Amino acid sequence: MHIAPEIIAEQVMGYVVWAAQLIPTLKPSAKKTYSVAIIPQGPHFYTGLLQAAGYLLLDSKKKKVLIISQQSEDIKHILVDNNVYGPIFGQYIKSSSNKITKFAREIDAIISTSQQKLLAEYINFQLPFLRVISTSKEILHISIGEKSSKTSLNKVLKWIKNHKKEYNIVFLTNIELIQAAKSKKNDEQEKIAKIIQTSSEKKPLLTLFQKTLDSQKKRPQIIAYVNPADFGKATSLTTRYICAVG
C-alpha cells in the first residue's frame, strides 16, 4: 500500500513533537549538540520516537551524514550503498558514481549490487526522518559485514576521524540482551549502557561506535529505549530498541 508523502510527513512530525517533549526532561544544555547517534533498525511503531529524538539531537549545522548499518549478505566485507532512493517529498537520494568509488577505495569496501536488498530496507526506514528533520544535503551509507577485517574497520574509523567536522554519524542497530531481563527498567538500562560501551570482535558495529566516541572523548548518553514486551509482546524477547547519542 502506497502512503502519500503528506501523511508520512504528518506521522514524522508527530514523532518530533513527542521527542521534543521527552528531550527537555533530560536537562541538556541549550547549546548541546551531538555528532554521533545510535538509533533503531526496526518498524516505526516501536521506534519512531527514538529515531526522531536521535535526528533532533544531531548537529544541524552539519549538512552531511554517514549512516552505518550491519549486514549478513557479505559477512567478510563492508558494503558501500549504491542505491537510488526516492522520490521522497519529490527528491531522490543518490551520490555520484565518482564519490561512491572514491569512498569505497578509501575504506577498503565493496560497492553494493542490486541483489543486496538489505541495505535499501535499512535506509527506507530512515528516509522520512532524514527529509523532515535532518538538513543533510549528502548521505553516505555503509553496511558492515559481521566478520569484516580489523584493517577495514580501522580504515572506516580513520575516515570518520578525518571527516567528523563535516559529518554526523548515525549507527543503525538494535541491542540484543543475553537473556530476557526480569530486572527493573533502570537496571536494564545500565546493562544496555555497558553493551554499547564495550568493544568486541563479535560486535563490529558497536565496536566502531565506541571507538568513534573515544576519538571525541565522550561517553554515550541513552536518551530512551523500548522493550517490546511493554507492548504486549512475549516477555522472552531479548531485543531492545534504543536512542543513544555522543
Protein backbone atom coordinates (compact mmCIF):
# COMPACT_ATOMS: atom_id res chain seq x y z
CA MET A 1 0.00 0.00 0.00
CA HIS A 2 1.39 3.40 -1.02
CA ILE A 3 1.25 6.12 1.65
CA ALA A 4 1.14 9.72 0.47
CA PRO A 5 4.19 11.85 1.35
CA GLU A 6 1.95 14.29 3.21
CA ILE A 7 0.74 11.55 5.54
CA ILE A 8 4.29 10.34 6.16
CA ALA A 9 5.35 13.91 6.96
CA GLU A 10 2.49 14.26 9.46
CA GLN A 11 3.46 10.98 11.13
CA VAL A 12 7.09 12.03 11.45
CA MET A 13 6.10 15.45 12.82
CA GLY A 14 4.01 13.64 15.43
CA TYR A 15 7.13 11.74 16.49
CA VAL A 16 9.06 15.02 16.52
CA VAL A 17 6.55 16.61 18.91
CA TRP A 18 6.73 13.64 21.27
CA ALA A 19 10.53 13.60 21.13
CA ALA A 20 10.71 17.34 21.83
CA GLN A 21 8.63 16.74 24.95
CA LEU A 22 10.93 13.92 26.01
CA ILE A 23 14.30 15.57 25.50
CA PRO A 24 13.85 18.57 27.86
CA THR A 25 13.24 16.18 30.75
CA LEU A 26 16.87 15.09 30.38
CA LYS A 27 18.00 18.68 31.09
CA PRO A 28 20.51 19.00 28.24
CA SER A 29 22.40 22.23 27.72
CA ALA A 30 20.60 24.58 25.36
CA LYS A 31 23.79 24.72 23.28
CA LYS A 32 24.47 20.98 23.41
CA THR A 33 24.59 19.11 20.12
CA TYR A 34 25.87 15.68 19.20
CA SER A 35 27.64 14.26 16.18
CA VAL A 36 27.10 10.53 16.81
CA ALA A 37 23.90 8.59 17.42
CA ILE A 38 22.62 5.05 17.69
CA ILE A 39 19.04 4.66 16.53
CA PRO A 40 16.95 1.52 15.98
CA GLN A 41 16.76 -0.60 12.90
CA GLY A 42 13.12 -1.51 13.08
CA PRO A 43 9.45 -0.68 12.47
CA HIS A 44 8.24 2.83 13.25
CA PHE A 45 5.54 1.52 15.61
CA TYR A 46 8.22 0.83 18.21
CA THR A 47 10.99 3.14 17.08
CA GLY A 48 9.58 6.34 15.57
CA LEU A 49 10.02 8.38 18.74
CA LEU A 50 13.58 7.11 19.19
CA GLN A 51 14.53 7.85 15.59
CA ALA A 52 13.09 11.37 15.83
CA ALA A 53 14.96 12.04 19.08
CA GLY A 54 18.25 10.88 17.55
CA TYR A 55 17.99 13.10 14.49
CA LEU A 56 16.80 16.09 16.54
CA LEU A 57 19.88 15.90 18.77
CA LEU A 58 22.40 15.75 15.93
CA ASP A 59 24.31 18.88 14.94
CA SER A 60 22.01 20.67 12.49
CA LYS A 61 24.94 22.75 11.18
CA LYS A 62 26.42 19.68 9.54
CA LYS A 63 24.95 19.09 6.09
CA LYS A 64 26.34 15.59 5.59
CA VAL A 65 25.51 12.30 7.30
CA LEU A 66 27.20 8.90 7.29
CA ILE A 67 24.82 6.05 8.13
CA ILE A 68 26.38 2.79 9.33
CA SER A 69 24.43 -0.46 9.49
CA GLN A 70 25.42 -4.12 9.78
CA GLN A 71 24.58 -6.81 7.22
CA SER A 72 24.85 -10.57 6.78
CA GLU A 73 24.76 -10.74 2.96
CA ASP A 74 28.54 -10.40 2.58
CA ILE A 75 29.86 -11.07 6.05
CA LYS A 76 33.57 -10.55 5.29
CA HIS A 77 33.26 -7.14 3.67
CA ILE A 78 31.97 -3.63 4.16
CA LEU A 79 29.45 -2.58 1.53
CA VAL A 80 29.01 0.96 0.25
CA ASP A 81 25.38 1.61 -0.62
CA ASN A 82 24.90 2.34 -4.32
CA ASN A 83 21.10 2.52 -4.35
CA VAL A 84 18.97 5.38 -5.61
CA TYR A 85 16.35 6.34 -3.01
CA GLY A 86 13.12 8.19 -3.52
CA PRO A 87 11.32 10.08 -4.58
CA ILE A 88 10.65 11.19 -1.01
CA PHE A 89 8.90 14.54 -0.95
CA GLY A 90 9.87 15.00 -4.58
CA GLN A 91 13.59 14.37 -4.15
CA TYR A 92 15.88 11.45 -4.89
CA ILE A 93 18.96 10.49 -2.86
CA LYS A 94 21.93 9.35 -4.92
CA SER A 95 25.65 10.01 -4.50
CA SER A 96 27.71 10.41 -7.64
CA SER A 97 29.48 7.34 -9.03
CA ASN A 98 32.85 9.05 -8.64
CA LYS A 99 32.20 9.83 -4.98
CA ILE A 100 30.99 6.29 -4.26
CA THR A 101 34.05 4.77 -5.97
CA LYS A 102 36.49 7.08 -4.16
CA PHE A 103 34.79 6.47 -0.81
CA ALA A 104 34.83 2.68 -1.26
CA ARG A 105 38.53 2.77 -2.13
CA GLU A 106 39.40 4.87 0.91
CA ILE A 107 37.72 2.50 3.38
CA ASP A 108 38.61 -0.75 1.58
CA ALA A 109 34.95 -1.54 0.87
CA ILE A 110 32.91 -3.11 -1.92
CA ILE A 111 30.19 -1.23 -3.80
CA SER A 112 26.81 -2.88 -3.31
CA THR A 113 24.78 -4.53 -6.07
CA SER A 114 21.04 -4.52 -6.72
CA GLN A 115 20.84 -8.09 -5.37
CA GLN A 116 21.88 -6.94 -1.91
CA LYS A 117 18.45 -5.72 -0.82
CA LEU A 118 19.00 -5.35 2.93
CA LEU A 119 20.80 -2.04 2.51
CA ALA A 120 17.79 -0.48 0.83
CA GLU A 121 15.46 -1.78 3.55
CA TYR A 122 17.61 -0.18 6.24
CA ILE A 123 17.57 3.25 4.61
CA ASN A 124 13.91 3.23 3.59
CA PHE A 125 13.00 3.34 7.30
CA GLN A 126 15.19 6.44 7.72
CA LEU A 127 14.16 8.48 4.68
CA PRO A 128 11.12 10.25 6.17
CA PHE A 129 13.14 11.33 9.21
CA LEU A 130 16.06 12.47 7.08
CA ARG A 131 13.77 14.58 4.91
CA VAL A 132 11.57 16.05 7.68
CA ILE A 133 14.12 16.54 10.47
CA SER A 134 17.62 16.48 9.01
CA THR A 135 19.13 19.30 6.99
CA SER A 136 21.61 16.91 5.37
CA LYS A 137 22.40 17.53 1.71
CA GLU A 138 24.60 14.46 1.35
CA ILE A 139 24.03 10.93 2.66
CA LEU A 140 26.53 8.10 2.60
CA HIS A 141 25.59 4.62 3.81
CA ILE A 142 27.89 1.71 4.57
CA SER A 143 26.94 -1.70 5.94
CA ILE A 144 29.46 -3.73 7.89
CA GLY A 145 29.78 -7.47 7.44
CA GLU A 146 29.70 -9.47 10.66
CA LYS A 147 33.27 -10.68 10.00
CA SER A 148 34.80 -7.58 8.46
CA SER A 149 38.56 -7.40 8.94
CA LYS A 150 40.16 -5.18 11.55
CA THR A 151 42.05 -3.48 8.73
CA SER A 152 38.82 -2.43 7.02
CA LEU A 153 37.22 -1.27 10.27
CA ASN A 154 40.31 0.78 11.11
CA LYS A 155 40.12 2.44 7.70
CA VAL A 156 36.49 3.37 8.37
CA LEU A 157 37.47 4.78 11.76
CA LYS A 158 40.29 6.78 10.17
CA TRP A 159 37.86 8.15 7.57
CA ILE A 160 35.43 9.17 10.34
CA LYS A 161 38.17 10.95 12.27
CA ASN A 162 39.21 12.83 9.13
CA HIS A 163 35.64 13.88 8.31
CA LYS A 164 33.90 14.21 11.69
CA LYS A 165 33.80 18.01 11.36
CA GLU A 166 31.64 17.64 8.24
CA TYR A 167 29.51 14.59 9.00
CA ASN A 168 27.02 13.43 11.58
CA ILE A 169 27.45 9.68 12.14
CA VAL A 170 24.33 7.53 12.59
CA PHE A 171 24.60 3.89 13.64
CA LEU A 172 21.58 1.68 12.88
CA THR A 173 21.29 -1.24 15.26
CA ASN A 174 19.10 -2.94 17.80
CA ILE A 175 20.55 -4.20 21.08
CA GLU A 176 20.37 -7.87 21.98
CA LEU A 177 20.49 -8.89 25.64
CA ILE A 178 21.98 -12.26 26.53
CA GLN A 179 18.64 -13.25 28.02
CA ALA A 180 15.34 -11.56 28.66
CA ALA A 181 15.78 -9.31 31.66
CA LYS A 182 13.47 -9.51 34.67
CA SER A 183 15.13 -6.59 36.39
CA LYS A 184 13.85 -3.07 36.91
CA LYS A 185 13.99 -0.66 33.97
CA ASN A 186 16.86 1.34 35.44
CA ASP A 187 18.90 -1.83 35.97
CA GLU A 188 18.22 -2.96 32.42
CA GLN A 189 19.24 0.43 31.09
CA GLU A 190 22.58 0.04 32.88
CA LYS A 191 23.07 -3.32 31.16
CA ILE A 192 22.34 -1.72 27.80
CA ALA A 193 24.79 1.11 28.55
CA LYS A 194 27.53 -1.45 29.24
CA ILE A 195 26.78 -3.27 25.98
CA ILE A 196 27.11 -0.18 23.81
CA GLN A 197 30.33 0.85 25.58
CA THR A 198 32.10 -2.50 25.14
CA SER A 199 34.39 -3.32 22.22
CA SER A 200 34.22 -6.87 20.89
CA GLU A 201 35.27 -8.63 17.70
CA LYS A 202 31.82 -10.25 17.65
CA LYS A 203 30.15 -6.83 17.56
CA PRO A 204 31.97 -4.78 14.92
CA LEU A 205 29.32 -2.08 14.62
CA LEU A 206 29.19 -1.37 18.35
CA THR A 207 32.99 -1.51 18.50
CA LEU A 208 33.17 1.12 15.77
CA PHE A 209 30.58 3.20 17.62
CA GLN A 210 32.62 3.07 20.83
CA LYS A 211 35.88 3.94 19.08
CA THR A 212 34.18 6.84 17.31
CA LEU A 213 33.13 8.18 20.71
CA ASP A 214 36.62 7.59 22.13
CA SER A 215 38.05 9.81 19.42
CA GLN A 216 35.82 12.59 20.72
CA LYS A 217 36.48 11.76 24.41
CA LYS A 218 32.78 11.29 25.13
CA ARG A 219 30.57 8.63 26.63
CA PRO A 220 27.20 7.84 25.07
CA GLN A 221 24.03 9.12 26.67
CA ILE A 222 20.99 6.86 26.42
CA ILE A 223 18.04 9.09 25.60
CA ALA A 224 15.41 6.37 25.76
CA TYR A 225 14.83 2.73 24.92
CA VAL A 226 11.91 0.43 24.22
CA ASN A 227 11.27 -3.09 25.44
CA PRO A 228 8.76 -4.70 23.02
CA ALA A 229 7.36 -6.70 25.96
CA ASP A 230 5.87 -3.42 27.21
CA PHE A 231 3.56 -3.52 24.18
CA GLY A 232 2.19 -6.96 24.92
CA LYS A 233 4.88 -8.89 23.08
CA ALA A 234 6.40 -12.04 24.57
CA THR A 235 8.38 -11.30 27.72
CA SER A 236 11.09 -13.67 26.46
CA LEU A 237 12.15 -11.24 23.72
CA THR A 238 15.74 -10.06 24.10
CA THR A 239 15.71 -7.25 21.51
CA ARG A 240 15.77 -3.66 22.73
CA TYR A 241 15.38 -0.51 20.63
CA ILE A 242 17.47 2.44 21.82
CA CYS A 243 18.39 6.02 21.06
CA ALA A 244 21.83 6.96 22.35
CA VAL A 245 23.98 9.95 21.44
CA GLY A 246 27.54 11.09 21.94
